[in-house]
Amino acid sequence: MHPTHALPEIIAHRGNAAEFPENTLPALESAVQLGIRYVEFDVQLTGDHVPVVFHDADLARVAGRSESVHDLTWSDLSEIPVGETARLGHKHAFTCPPSLAQVADALTGWDGVTAFVEIKRSSLRKFGREAVLRRVTDVLRPVLNRCVLISFDLPTIKILRMMSGARIGWVLSEYDDAACAEAAALAPEFLFVNLERLPDSGEPLWPGPWAWAVYEVRDLKTARACQQRGAKFVESMTVRGLLSAYQEGRRQW
């Protein structure tokens, strides 16, 4: 089979985050409109225990403010623009973060789209695993069959499997023998790894019952290399560019 027919599926990392503020409804909707069928976003808890789609523990990077997400109420956070003006200029200057409930509602209208929902460690540390996981799974209950719950935190993944019955994915902090043994014992449906954490040798990814997703992939050459190593998915913020490269590669074939 020609390699262009075996390219991994694209996961939109925080949506189409190259063109829109990350983890916002416009970023996620743009990815879906481009034809992407897998999106990834992050979840934190506000001070009043509302799950919100947000990556960092504070607002410094995306809003230029010092507050912690964990100290704000949802009512307050929902009115703070997170348009990443330092990166994107003022085009999206008035874009505000969505709640997880708002994204779950949008997901019901995105036919055939699967969401990878990353539960952030800062919320787990702040509020405790039980409180965070119950709030997140309660909100996602109507669309849980369309979601994969993922985290860097291994105990969280184990709890999610027992309490929710949802598909799970472990995001690796290290790609080493210890992590391989943990993955074999857990047998998650998905394993995620940063491209930069993989050895340069090009050796195949660990075999197992999981599907591999390699993130921080930006170009066709790297996507092909990941596929050759055993990745079913690549995750990227540069959704439009990578998708165009895929399509061009198929036309050339």
Foldseek 3Di string as FASTA:
>chain_A
DPLLVQFFAEEAEQALVLAWPGQAPVRNVVLLVVPHQHYEFEWAAACVGFIWTDDDQALCQQQVDGDGRNDDDPVVQQQGFRGRCVNHNCPRRRGGTGTVLVVLVVVVVRPNHAYEYEYEPVRCVVPNLVSNVVNNCVSNVVPLARYEYEYCDVVSQVVCCVPPVGQYEHEHPADDPVVVVVCQVVQGQEYEYEPVRDDPPLAADDDGNHAYEYEPDDADVVSSSNVVSRHNYYYYSNSVHRVVRSVVVVVVD
